[in-house]
Amino acid sequence: MNVDNLYRFLFQHKNVRGELVQLSSSLDQMLLHHDYPLPVKQLLAELVAATSLLTATLKFEGDIALQIQGDGPVKFAAVNGTNAQQFRGVVRMQAEISGTSFRELIGEGYLLVTITPQQGERYQGIIPLSGDSLTSTLEAYFAQSEQLPTRLYLYTDFHSEQCRAAGFMLQVLPVDQQKAKADFDELVNLADTLTQDEMINLEAEQLLYRLFHQEEVELFTPQTVSFVCGCSREKCSSAIVSLGKDIINEHIAEGKLDISCEYCNSTYHFDSADLTTLLQQL
């Protein structure tokens, strides 16, 4: 199933909201020019699914960046996502991968969540890594920042021809907290029966019916999720101009300047004539 959609849903008689994201081709595009080890691909795919779920909670235009920093083989993993469900991600390693679990990859560290609205002040939250999964750390983030009970489920499948991942979230609504907590506990007990195969392979309607067939669930129109790097020759040109005359002249003497994007591995070539043209802008 080739899907890259984010679904939002509400329970008509429960004070709980939910989200489901299913990803495939967008992950392929993100990983196409990277030679990450399999456990790193799985970690990055989980981070993309989590970022998609978090950006769907935004009530404004803007973006969210999730960054994991640790002292393990994976030094840094980051995904940027927008309210338009466009994302890009990257991983930096500092040692050979020897394990497959979250802690074996990251070691000790923290999760940095940066929310940047197009209008208004930026918010940052730092959460120490907890447990042996990304989900446990993100659930701690919701408990700390929004003080709303939240349950997350993240799954990946890299054994088929296509990279696939899925994320599922339940969160209480900030109304009638006593009822919301009881509703949440009831629905989480059902959601805990979710399997990787169901999350990744079932259509959204089938999945929700299988879990919550005794509930009235309102499923909203899905939002397409896509990999969008955002790099361009124009942006690279602006970056070169910002380097100043001395550095540009050094590269003119060398005959070229190449700039590579760490997100998509595209390389932009600037020869001496290109650099001379940019120098004239100063």
Protein backbone atom coordinates (compact mmCIF):
# COMPACT_ATOMS: atom_id res chain seq x y z
CA MET A 1 0.00 0.00 0.00
CA ASN A 2 1.54 3.28 -1.13
CA VAL A 3 0.31 5.83 1.39
CA ASP A 4 1.69 9.04 2.80
CA ASN A 5 -1.19 10.52 4.75
CA LEU A 6 -1.93 12.05 8.15
CA TYR A 7 -5.40 11.36 9.52
CA ARG A 8 -7.08 13.20 12.40
CA PHE A 9 -10.08 11.75 14.22
CA LEU A 10 -12.40 12.49 17.13
CA PHE A 11 -14.60 10.31 19.31
CA GLN A 12 -18.17 11.58 19.45
CA HIS A 13 -18.77 10.43 23.04
CA LYS A 14 -15.25 10.44 24.46
CA ASN A 15 -13.08 13.39 25.48
CA VAL A 16 -10.18 12.09 23.40
CA ARG A 17 -8.69 13.00 20.03
CA GLY A 18 -6.43 10.93 17.81
CA GLU A 19 -4.07 10.92 14.84
CA LEU A 20 -2.73 8.28 12.48
CA VAL A 21 0.12 8.73 10.01
CA GLN A 22 1.20 6.18 7.40
CA LEU A 23 4.33 6.75 5.32
CA SER A 24 6.05 5.03 2.41
CA SER A 25 7.23 6.89 -0.72
CA SER A 26 8.19 10.01 1.25
CA LEU A 27 10.61 7.91 3.32
CA ASP A 28 12.09 6.42 0.15
CA GLN A 29 12.72 9.93 -1.17
CA MET A 30 14.34 11.06 2.10
CA LEU A 31 16.64 8.03 2.27
CA LEU A 32 17.38 7.72 -1.45
CA HIS A 33 20.85 9.29 -1.40
CA HIS A 34 21.87 8.22 2.11
CA ASP A 35 23.67 5.02 3.04
CA TYR A 36 22.51 4.77 6.64
CA PRO A 37 22.67 1.41 8.44
CA LEU A 38 19.25 -0.25 8.84
CA PRO A 39 18.80 0.60 12.57
CA VAL A 40 19.52 4.26 11.76
CA LYS A 41 16.97 4.24 8.94
CA GLN A 42 14.41 2.81 11.37
CA LEU A 43 15.20 5.47 13.97
CA LEU A 44 14.89 8.28 11.42
CA ALA A 45 11.61 6.86 10.09
CA GLU A 46 10.20 6.77 13.64
CA LEU A 47 11.30 10.36 14.14
CA VAL A 48 9.55 11.40 10.91
CA ALA A 49 6.30 9.71 11.99
CA ALA A 50 6.53 11.36 15.41
CA THR A 51 7.20 14.78 13.89
CA SER A 52 4.18 14.38 11.62
CA LEU A 53 1.97 13.62 14.62
CA LEU A 54 3.32 16.61 16.53
CA THR A 55 2.95 19.07 13.66
CA ALA A 56 -0.67 17.96 13.33
CA THR A 57 -1.28 19.37 16.82
CA LEU A 58 -0.26 22.87 15.74
CA LYS A 59 -3.08 25.41 15.79
CA PHE A 60 -1.11 27.88 13.66
CA GLU A 61 1.14 28.02 10.59
CA GLY A 62 4.69 27.13 11.48
CA ASP A 63 7.02 24.20 11.96
CA ILE A 64 8.35 21.77 14.54
CA ALA A 65 11.89 20.42 14.77
CA LEU A 66 12.66 17.27 16.75
CA GLN A 67 16.35 16.80 17.55
CA ILE A 68 17.90 13.90 19.44
CA GLN A 69 21.42 14.38 20.74
CA GLY A 70 23.30 11.62 22.52
CA ASP A 71 26.68 10.14 23.38
CA GLY A 72 26.09 6.87 21.50
CA PRO A 73 26.99 5.94 17.91
CA VAL A 74 24.23 8.26 16.67
CA LYS A 75 25.37 11.68 17.77
CA PHE A 76 22.51 13.65 16.25
CA ALA A 77 19.19 12.88 14.56
CA ALA A 78 16.78 15.60 13.48
CA VAL A 79 13.54 16.02 11.55
CA ASN A 80 11.93 19.32 10.61
CA GLY A 81 8.21 19.28 9.83
CA THR A 82 5.73 21.98 8.86
CA ASN A 83 2.00 22.39 9.44
CA ALA A 84 1.68 21.54 5.71
CA GLN A 85 3.09 18.07 6.58
CA GLN A 86 6.32 18.62 4.67
CA PHE A 87 9.43 17.22 6.32
CA ARG A 88 13.15 16.64 5.95
CA GLY A 89 15.53 14.70 8.19
CA VAL A 90 19.19 13.89 8.78
CA VAL A 91 21.38 11.73 11.01
CA ARG A 92 25.01 12.26 12.03
CA MET A 93 27.02 9.34 13.40
CA GLN A 94 30.21 9.36 15.43
CA ALA A 95 30.90 5.62 15.76
CA GLU A 96 30.12 2.31 14.10
CA ILE A 97 26.64 0.94 14.79
CA SER A 98 26.81 -2.20 16.93
CA GLY A 99 23.30 -2.43 18.42
CA THR A 100 19.76 -1.94 17.26
CA SER A 101 17.82 -0.61 20.25
CA PHE A 102 17.08 3.05 20.84
CA ARG A 103 19.56 3.27 23.73
CA GLU A 104 22.25 1.33 21.89
CA LEU A 105 22.02 3.89 19.10
CA ILE A 106 21.67 7.08 21.14
CA GLY A 107 23.12 6.30 24.58
CA GLU A 108 22.48 9.04 27.12
CA GLY A 109 21.15 12.34 25.86
CA TYR A 110 18.09 14.47 25.37
CA LEU A 111 15.31 15.42 22.97
CA LEU A 112 15.00 19.03 21.88
CA VAL A 113 11.59 20.15 20.58
CA THR A 114 11.52 23.52 18.81
CA ILE A 115 8.19 25.02 17.77
CA THR A 116 8.49 28.01 15.44
CA PRO A 117 5.27 29.81 14.45
CA GLN A 118 5.32 32.04 11.38
CA GLN A 119 4.00 34.75 13.67
CA GLY A 120 4.85 34.83 17.34
CA GLU A 121 7.61 33.63 19.64
CA ARG A 122 9.56 30.42 19.27
CA TYR A 123 9.23 27.76 21.97
CA GLN A 124 11.87 25.19 22.94
CA GLY A 125 11.55 22.25 25.27
CA ILE A 126 14.37 19.95 26.39
CA ILE A 127 13.49 16.47 27.67
CA PRO A 128 16.02 13.91 28.95
CA LEU A 129 15.76 10.61 27.10
CA SER A 130 13.66 8.18 29.11
CA GLY A 131 13.10 4.46 28.75
CA ASP A 132 14.31 2.52 25.73
CA SER A 133 12.16 4.10 23.05
CA LEU A 134 11.41 7.35 21.32
CA THR A 135 7.75 7.00 22.32
CA SER A 136 8.45 7.05 26.06
CA THR A 137 10.48 10.26 25.72
CA LEU A 138 7.77 11.93 23.63
CA GLU A 139 5.06 10.91 26.08
CA ALA A 140 7.15 12.53 28.82
CA TYR A 141 7.35 15.67 26.64
CA PHE A 142 3.55 15.88 26.36
CA ALA A 143 3.14 15.32 30.09
CA GLN A 144 5.66 18.10 30.80
CA SER A 145 4.74 20.69 28.16
CA GLU A 146 1.03 20.26 27.55
CA GLN A 147 0.12 18.33 30.71
CA LEU A 148 -2.24 16.19 28.63
CA PRO A 149 -2.08 12.39 28.93
CA THR A 150 -0.85 11.12 25.56
CA ARG A 151 -0.12 7.65 24.20
CA LEU A 152 2.07 7.14 21.14
CA TYR A 153 2.75 4.11 18.97
CA LEU A 154 5.51 4.07 16.33
CA TYR A 155 6.29 1.25 13.91
CA THR A 156 8.59 0.77 10.92
CA ASP A 157 8.93 -1.89 8.22
CA PHE A 158 12.05 -2.07 6.10
CA HIS A 159 11.73 -5.71 5.07
CA SER A 160 9.61 -5.09 1.98
CA GLU A 161 10.72 -3.39 -1.22
CA GLN A 162 9.53 -0.05 0.12
CA CYS A 163 10.39 1.76 3.36
CA ARG A 164 7.29 2.13 5.50
CA ALA A 165 6.43 3.61 8.86
CA ALA A 166 3.34 4.46 10.87
CA GLY A 167 2.48 6.46 13.96
CA PHE A 168 -0.65 6.50 16.11
CA MET A 169 -1.55 8.92 18.88
CA LEU A 170 -4.33 9.28 21.44
CA GLN A 171 -4.58 12.42 23.57
CA VAL A 172 -7.15 13.67 26.07
CA LEU A 173 -9.06 16.84 25.28
CA PRO A 174 -8.68 19.68 27.81
CA VAL A 175 -12.30 19.42 29.00
CA ASP A 176 -13.92 17.57 31.93
CA GLN A 177 -10.64 16.04 33.04
CA GLN A 178 -12.17 13.30 35.17
CA LYS A 179 -14.22 11.93 32.27
CA ALA A 180 -11.35 12.52 29.83
CA LYS A 181 -8.97 10.42 31.92
CA ALA A 182 -11.48 7.55 32.18
CA ASP A 183 -12.17 7.75 28.42
CA PHE A 184 -8.46 7.84 27.67
CA ASP A 185 -7.67 4.78 29.80
CA GLU A 186 -10.46 2.82 28.11
CA LEU A 187 -9.33 3.70 24.59
CA VAL A 188 -5.64 3.11 25.35
CA ASN A 189 -6.47 -0.43 26.50
CA LEU A 190 -7.94 -1.03 23.04
CA ALA A 191 -5.11 0.74 21.20
CA ASP A 192 -2.54 -1.36 23.07
CA THR A 193 -3.72 -4.33 21.00
CA LEU A 194 -2.41 -2.65 17.83
CA THR A 195 0.12 -4.68 15.86
CA GLN A 196 2.80 -3.47 13.48
CA ASP A 197 1.08 -5.20 10.58
CA GLU A 198 -2.25 -3.47 11.31
CA MET A 199 -0.66 -0.05 11.72
CA ILE A 200 1.26 -0.24 8.48
CA ASN A 201 -1.04 -2.23 6.20
CA LEU A 202 -4.64 -1.43 7.11
CA GLU A 203 -6.52 1.50 5.62
CA ALA A 204 -7.32 4.18 8.20
CA GLU A 205 -11.04 3.36 8.21
CA GLN A 206 -10.36 -0.36 8.70
CA LEU A 207 -7.87 0.28 11.47
CA LEU A 208 -10.16 2.55 13.44
CA TYR A 209 -13.12 0.21 13.00
CA ARG A 210 -11.10 -2.79 14.16
CA LEU A 211 -10.01 -0.94 17.29
CA PHE A 212 -13.05 1.15 18.13
CA HIS A 213 -16.07 -0.45 16.40
CA GLN A 214 -18.22 0.23 19.48
CA GLU A 215 -17.46 3.96 19.32
CA GLU A 216 -18.64 6.71 17.00
CA VAL A 217 -15.44 7.98 15.40
CA GLU A 218 -15.30 11.02 13.11
CA LEU A 219 -12.43 10.68 10.62
CA PHE A 220 -11.40 13.90 8.90
CA THR A 221 -10.05 14.37 5.39
CA PRO A 222 -6.43 13.15 5.29
CA GLN A 223 -3.48 15.48 4.75
CA THR A 224 -0.71 14.41 2.39
CA VAL A 225 2.74 14.00 3.96
CA SER A 226 5.76 14.66 1.75
CA PHE A 227 9.52 14.93 1.82
CA VAL A 228 10.59 18.45 0.84
CA CYS A 229 14.24 19.30 1.32
CA GLY A 230 14.01 23.03 0.60
CA CYS A 231 17.57 23.46 -0.65
CA SER A 232 18.18 25.37 -3.89
CA ARG A 233 20.92 27.00 -5.90
CA GLU A 234 19.48 30.39 -4.98
CA LYS A 235 19.81 29.67 -1.26
CA CYS A 236 23.37 28.47 -1.77
CA SER A 237 24.14 31.67 -3.68
CA SER A 238 22.85 33.76 -0.78
CA ALA A 239 24.96 31.73 1.62
CA ILE A 240 28.07 32.33 -0.49
CA VAL A 241 27.42 36.08 -0.64
CA SER A 242 27.17 36.11 3.16
CA LEU A 243 30.70 34.69 3.41
CA GLY A 244 32.18 38.03 2.34
CA LYS A 245 34.67 39.18 -0.28
CA ASP A 246 37.84 37.64 1.17
CA ILE A 247 36.49 34.08 1.36
CA ILE A 248 34.82 34.33 -2.05
CA ASN A 249 38.10 35.55 -3.58
CA GLU A 250 39.90 32.57 -2.03
CA HIS A 251 37.51 30.18 -3.78
CA ILE A 252 37.79 32.11 -7.05
CA ALA A 253 41.55 31.52 -6.84
CA GLU A 254 40.89 27.82 -6.22
CA GLY A 255 38.60 27.74 -9.26
CA LYS A 256 35.40 26.48 -7.66
CA LEU A 257 33.18 26.10 -4.61
CA ASP A 258 30.89 23.10 -4.08
CA ILE A 259 28.08 23.14 -1.52
CA SER A 260 26.37 19.90 -0.51
CA CYS A 261 23.01 19.60 1.24
CA GLU A 262 23.13 17.20 4.17
CA TYR A 263 19.39 16.51 3.92
CA CYS A 264 19.19 15.28 0.31
CA ASN A 265 22.91 15.04 -0.64
CA SER A 266 22.43 17.35 -3.64
CA THR A 267 25.62 19.20 -4.59
CA TYR A 268 25.63 22.68 -6.10
CA HIS A 269 28.70 23.61 -8.16
CA PHE A 270 29.96 27.19 -8.49
CA ASP A 271 32.91 27.84 -10.79
CA SER A 272 35.09 30.96 -10.85
CA ALA A 273 32.71 32.77 -13.22
CA ASP A 274 29.74 32.00 -10.94
CA LEU A 275 31.65 33.21 -7.90
CA THR A 276 32.78 36.39 -9.68
CA THR A 277 29.14 37.18 -10.47
CA LEU A 278 28.18 36.68 -6.83
CA LEU A 279 31.13 38.83 -5.73
CA GLN A 280 29.70 41.72 -7.73
CA GLN A 281 26.65 41.69 -5.46
CA LEU A 282 28.79 42.89 -2.55
